[in-house]
Amino acid sequence: MRRTLLRFVLSVSAAAVVAIVAAIAIAILDLYLVGHGHAGILRDSISWPAAGVHLSIGDIVMLGLALLGAAFVWILFGRRP
């Protein structure tokens, strides 16, 4: 039970850190693209107004990386020494 709780806490922490780092990197990339006259990656790509969902390519990439980071930590700490 304790090991599963520890895996969960570590996975959530890793997902949060990866999401923050990815958000900063995506914001810098978007500033670069917009500053050089290209289309930004933070414009709505997926919209579901009834549910209040408006996702951009940057949002999707950030969420995907956070999920991958959490899954990686969950698998990494699931191995028995």
N, C-alpha and C. Protein backbone atom coordinates (compact mmCIF):
# COMPACT_ATOMS: atom_id res chain seq x y z
N MET A 1 0.83 -1.19 0.00
CA MET A 1 0.00 0.00 0.00
C MET A 1 0.87 1.26 0.00
N ARG A 2 1.91 1.27 0.88
CA ARG A 2 2.78 2.44 0.94
C ARG A 2 3.54 2.63 -0.37
N ARG A 3 3.96 1.51 -0.97
CA ARG A 3 4.72 1.59 -2.22
C ARG A 3 3.86 2.16 -3.34
N THR A 4 2.60 1.76 -3.40
CA THR A 4 1.70 2.28 -4.42
C THR A 4 1.43 3.77 -4.21
N LEU A 5 1.26 4.17 -2.96
CA LEU A 5 1.05 5.59 -2.66
C LEU A 5 2.28 6.41 -3.03
N LEU A 6 3.47 5.88 -2.74
CA LEU A 6 4.70 6.56 -3.11
C LEU A 6 4.83 6.69 -4.62
N ARG A 7 4.51 5.62 -5.35
CA ARG A 7 4.54 5.67 -6.82
C ARG A 7 3.58 6.72 -7.34
N PHE A 8 2.39 6.80 -6.74
CA PHE A 8 1.39 7.77 -7.18
C PHE A 8 1.87 9.19 -6.94
N VAL A 9 2.41 9.46 -5.75
CA VAL A 9 2.89 10.81 -5.43
C VAL A 9 4.04 11.21 -6.35
N LEU A 10 4.97 10.29 -6.58
CA LEU A 10 6.08 10.59 -7.47
C LEU A 10 5.61 10.81 -8.91
N SER A 11 4.63 10.05 -9.36
CA SER A 11 4.12 10.21 -10.71
C SER A 11 3.42 11.55 -10.89
N VAL A 12 2.62 11.93 -9.91
CA VAL A 12 1.92 13.22 -9.98
C VAL A 12 2.93 14.37 -9.94
N SER A 13 3.94 14.24 -9.10
CA SER A 13 4.97 15.27 -9.01
C SER A 13 5.74 15.39 -10.32
N ALA A 14 6.08 14.27 -10.90
CA ALA A 14 6.80 14.29 -12.18
C ALA A 14 5.94 14.91 -13.27
N ALA A 15 4.65 14.59 -13.28
CA ALA A 15 3.75 15.17 -14.29
C ALA A 15 3.67 16.68 -14.13
N ALA A 16 3.62 17.17 -12.90
CA ALA A 16 3.55 18.61 -12.67
C ALA A 16 4.83 19.30 -13.13
N VAL A 17 5.97 18.72 -12.81
CA VAL A 17 7.25 19.33 -13.22
C VAL A 17 7.39 19.33 -14.74
N VAL A 18 7.06 18.22 -15.37
CA VAL A 18 7.14 18.14 -16.83
C VAL A 18 6.17 19.13 -17.47
N ALA A 19 4.98 19.28 -16.92
CA ALA A 19 4.00 20.22 -17.47
C ALA A 19 4.51 21.66 -17.37
N ILE A 20 5.13 22.01 -16.26
CA ILE A 20 5.65 23.37 -16.09
C ILE A 20 6.79 23.64 -17.07
N VAL A 21 7.72 22.70 -17.18
CA VAL A 21 8.85 22.87 -18.10
C VAL A 21 8.36 22.93 -19.55
N ALA A 22 7.41 22.06 -19.89
CA ALA A 22 6.86 22.07 -21.25
C ALA A 22 6.12 23.36 -21.54
N ALA A 23 5.37 23.87 -20.58
CA ALA A 23 4.63 25.13 -20.79
C ALA A 23 5.59 26.29 -21.04
N ILE A 24 6.69 26.34 -20.31
CA ILE A 24 7.67 27.40 -20.51
C ILE A 24 8.31 27.27 -21.89
N ALA A 25 8.69 26.05 -22.27
CA ALA A 25 9.31 25.82 -23.58
C ALA A 25 8.34 26.15 -24.72
N ILE A 26 7.08 25.79 -24.57
CA ILE A 26 6.08 26.06 -25.60
C ILE A 26 5.81 27.56 -25.71
N ALA A 27 5.79 28.26 -24.58
CA ALA A 27 5.59 29.72 -24.61
C ALA A 27 6.75 30.41 -25.31
N ILE A 28 7.98 29.97 -25.04
CA ILE A 28 9.14 30.55 -25.72
C ILE A 28 9.09 30.27 -27.21
N LEU A 29 8.74 29.04 -27.58
CA LEU A 29 8.62 28.69 -29.00
C LEU A 29 7.54 29.52 -29.68
N ASP A 30 6.42 29.71 -29.01
CA ASP A 30 5.33 30.51 -29.57
C ASP A 30 5.76 31.97 -29.76
N LEU A 31 6.46 32.52 -28.77
CA LEU A 31 6.96 33.89 -28.90
C LEU A 31 7.92 34.02 -30.08
N TYR A 32 8.77 33.02 -30.25
CA TYR A 32 9.70 33.02 -31.38
C TYR A 32 8.96 33.00 -32.71
N LEU A 33 7.99 32.08 -32.83
CA LEU A 33 7.26 31.95 -34.09
C LEU A 33 6.47 33.21 -34.41
N VAL A 34 5.75 33.73 -33.44
CA VAL A 34 4.93 34.92 -33.67
C VAL A 34 5.83 36.13 -33.96
N GLY A 35 6.95 36.22 -33.29
CA GLY A 35 7.88 37.32 -33.51
C GLY A 35 8.51 37.32 -34.88
N HIS A 36 8.56 36.15 -35.52
CA HIS A 36 9.13 36.06 -36.86
C HIS A 36 8.05 35.97 -37.94
N GLY A 37 6.83 36.29 -37.58
CA GLY A 37 5.76 36.39 -38.57
C GLY A 37 5.06 35.08 -38.93
N HIS A 38 5.31 34.04 -38.19
CA HIS A 38 4.64 32.75 -38.44
C HIS A 38 3.41 32.63 -37.55
N ALA A 39 2.57 31.66 -37.87
CA ALA A 39 1.39 31.42 -37.04
C ALA A 39 1.81 30.83 -35.71
N GLY A 40 1.18 31.24 -34.63
CA GLY A 40 1.49 30.73 -33.30
C GLY A 40 0.90 29.35 -33.08
N ILE A 41 1.44 28.66 -32.09
CA ILE A 41 0.93 27.32 -31.77
C ILE A 41 -0.04 27.35 -30.60
N LEU A 42 -0.40 28.54 -30.14
CA LEU A 42 -1.31 28.65 -29.00
C LEU A 42 -2.70 29.12 -29.40
N ARG A 43 -3.04 28.95 -30.67
CA ARG A 43 -4.40 29.28 -31.12
C ARG A 43 -5.25 28.03 -31.01
N ASP A 44 -6.56 28.22 -30.77
CA ASP A 44 -7.47 27.09 -30.58
C ASP A 44 -7.46 26.14 -31.77
N SER A 45 -7.27 24.86 -31.48
CA SER A 45 -7.33 23.82 -32.51
C SER A 45 -8.52 22.90 -32.27
N ILE A 46 -8.77 22.61 -31.01
CA ILE A 46 -9.89 21.75 -30.63
C ILE A 46 -10.82 22.57 -29.75
N SER A 47 -12.06 22.69 -30.15
CA SER A 47 -13.02 23.44 -29.36
C SER A 47 -14.27 22.61 -29.12
N TRP A 48 -14.73 22.64 -27.90
CA TRP A 48 -15.99 22.01 -27.51
C TRP A 48 -16.65 22.99 -26.55
N PRO A 49 -17.32 24.01 -27.11
CA PRO A 49 -17.87 25.09 -26.30
C PRO A 49 -18.86 24.63 -25.23
N ALA A 50 -19.63 23.60 -25.49
CA ALA A 50 -20.61 23.14 -24.51
C ALA A 50 -19.93 22.66 -23.22
N ALA A 51 -18.72 22.12 -23.35
CA ALA A 51 -17.99 21.64 -22.18
C ALA A 51 -16.95 22.65 -21.70
N GLY A 52 -16.81 23.75 -22.44
CA GLY A 52 -15.83 24.76 -22.06
C GLY A 52 -14.40 24.36 -22.38
N VAL A 53 -14.23 23.51 -23.40
CA VAL A 53 -12.90 23.02 -23.76
C VAL A 53 -12.40 23.77 -24.99
N HIS A 54 -11.22 24.39 -24.85
CA HIS A 54 -10.57 25.08 -25.96
C HIS A 54 -9.08 24.75 -25.86
N LEU A 55 -8.61 23.84 -26.70
CA LEU A 55 -7.22 23.39 -26.64
C LEU A 55 -6.45 23.82 -27.88
N SER A 56 -5.22 24.21 -27.68
CA SER A 56 -4.34 24.53 -28.80
C SER A 56 -3.36 23.37 -28.98
N ILE A 57 -2.55 23.46 -30.03
CA ILE A 57 -1.53 22.45 -30.25
C ILE A 57 -0.55 22.43 -29.07
N GLY A 58 -0.21 23.59 -28.57
CA GLY A 58 0.69 23.67 -27.42
C GLY A 58 0.11 23.00 -26.19
N ASP A 59 -1.19 23.19 -25.96
CA ASP A 59 -1.86 22.54 -24.82
C ASP A 59 -1.82 21.02 -24.95
N ILE A 60 -2.08 20.53 -26.15
CA ILE A 60 -2.09 19.09 -26.38
C ILE A 60 -0.70 18.50 -26.18
N VAL A 61 0.33 19.20 -26.68
CA VAL A 61 1.70 18.72 -26.49
C VAL A 61 2.06 18.71 -25.01
N MET A 62 1.71 19.77 -24.27
CA MET A 62 2.02 19.84 -22.85
C MET A 62 1.32 18.71 -22.08
N LEU A 63 0.05 18.49 -22.35
CA LEU A 63 -0.68 17.42 -21.66
C LEU A 63 -0.11 16.04 -22.00
N GLY A 64 0.24 15.84 -23.26
CA GLY A 64 0.84 14.57 -23.67
C GLY A 64 2.17 14.31 -22.99
N LEU A 65 3.02 15.34 -22.92
CA LEU A 65 4.31 15.18 -22.25
C LEU A 65 4.14 14.92 -20.76
N ALA A 66 3.18 15.59 -20.12
CA ALA A 66 2.93 15.37 -18.70
C ALA A 66 2.46 13.93 -18.46
N LEU A 67 1.58 13.43 -19.30
CA LEU A 67 1.13 12.04 -19.15
C LEU A 67 2.26 11.05 -19.38
N LEU A 68 3.11 11.32 -20.38
CA LEU A 68 4.25 10.44 -20.62
C LEU A 68 5.23 10.45 -19.44
N GLY A 69 5.45 11.62 -18.88
CA GLY A 69 6.34 11.72 -17.72
C GLY A 69 5.79 10.95 -16.53
N ALA A 70 4.50 11.08 -16.28
CA ALA A 70 3.88 10.35 -15.17
C ALA A 70 3.93 8.84 -15.40
N ALA A 71 3.65 8.42 -16.62
CA ALA A 71 3.69 6.99 -16.94
C ALA A 71 5.11 6.44 -16.81
N PHE A 72 6.10 7.22 -17.25
CA PHE A 72 7.49 6.79 -17.15
C PHE A 72 7.90 6.58 -15.70
N VAL A 73 7.56 7.53 -14.83
CA VAL A 73 7.91 7.41 -13.41
C VAL A 73 7.15 6.25 -12.77
N TRP A 74 5.88 6.07 -13.12
CA TRP A 74 5.09 4.97 -12.57
C TRP A 74 5.73 3.63 -12.93
N ILE A 75 6.14 3.47 -14.18
CA ILE A 75 6.77 2.22 -14.62
C ILE A 75 8.14 2.06 -14.00
N LEU A 76 8.92 3.15 -13.96
CA LEU A 76 10.28 3.09 -13.43
C LEU A 76 10.29 2.67 -11.96
N PHE A 77 9.38 3.20 -11.15
CA PHE A 77 9.34 2.88 -9.73
C PHE A 77 8.50 1.63 -9.44
N GLY A 78 7.96 1.01 -10.45
CA GLY A 78 7.19 -0.22 -10.25
C GLY A 78 8.05 -1.45 -10.25
N ARG A 79 9.28 -1.31 -10.71
CA ARG A 79 10.19 -2.45 -10.75
C ARG A 79 10.68 -2.80 -9.35
N ARG A 80 10.80 -4.04 -9.09
CA ARG A 80 11.33 -4.51 -7.80
C ARG A 80 12.86 -4.54 -7.90
N PRO A 81 13.56 -4.08 -6.87
CA PRO A 81 15.05 -4.10 -6.91
C PRO A 81 15.61 -5.50 -6.82
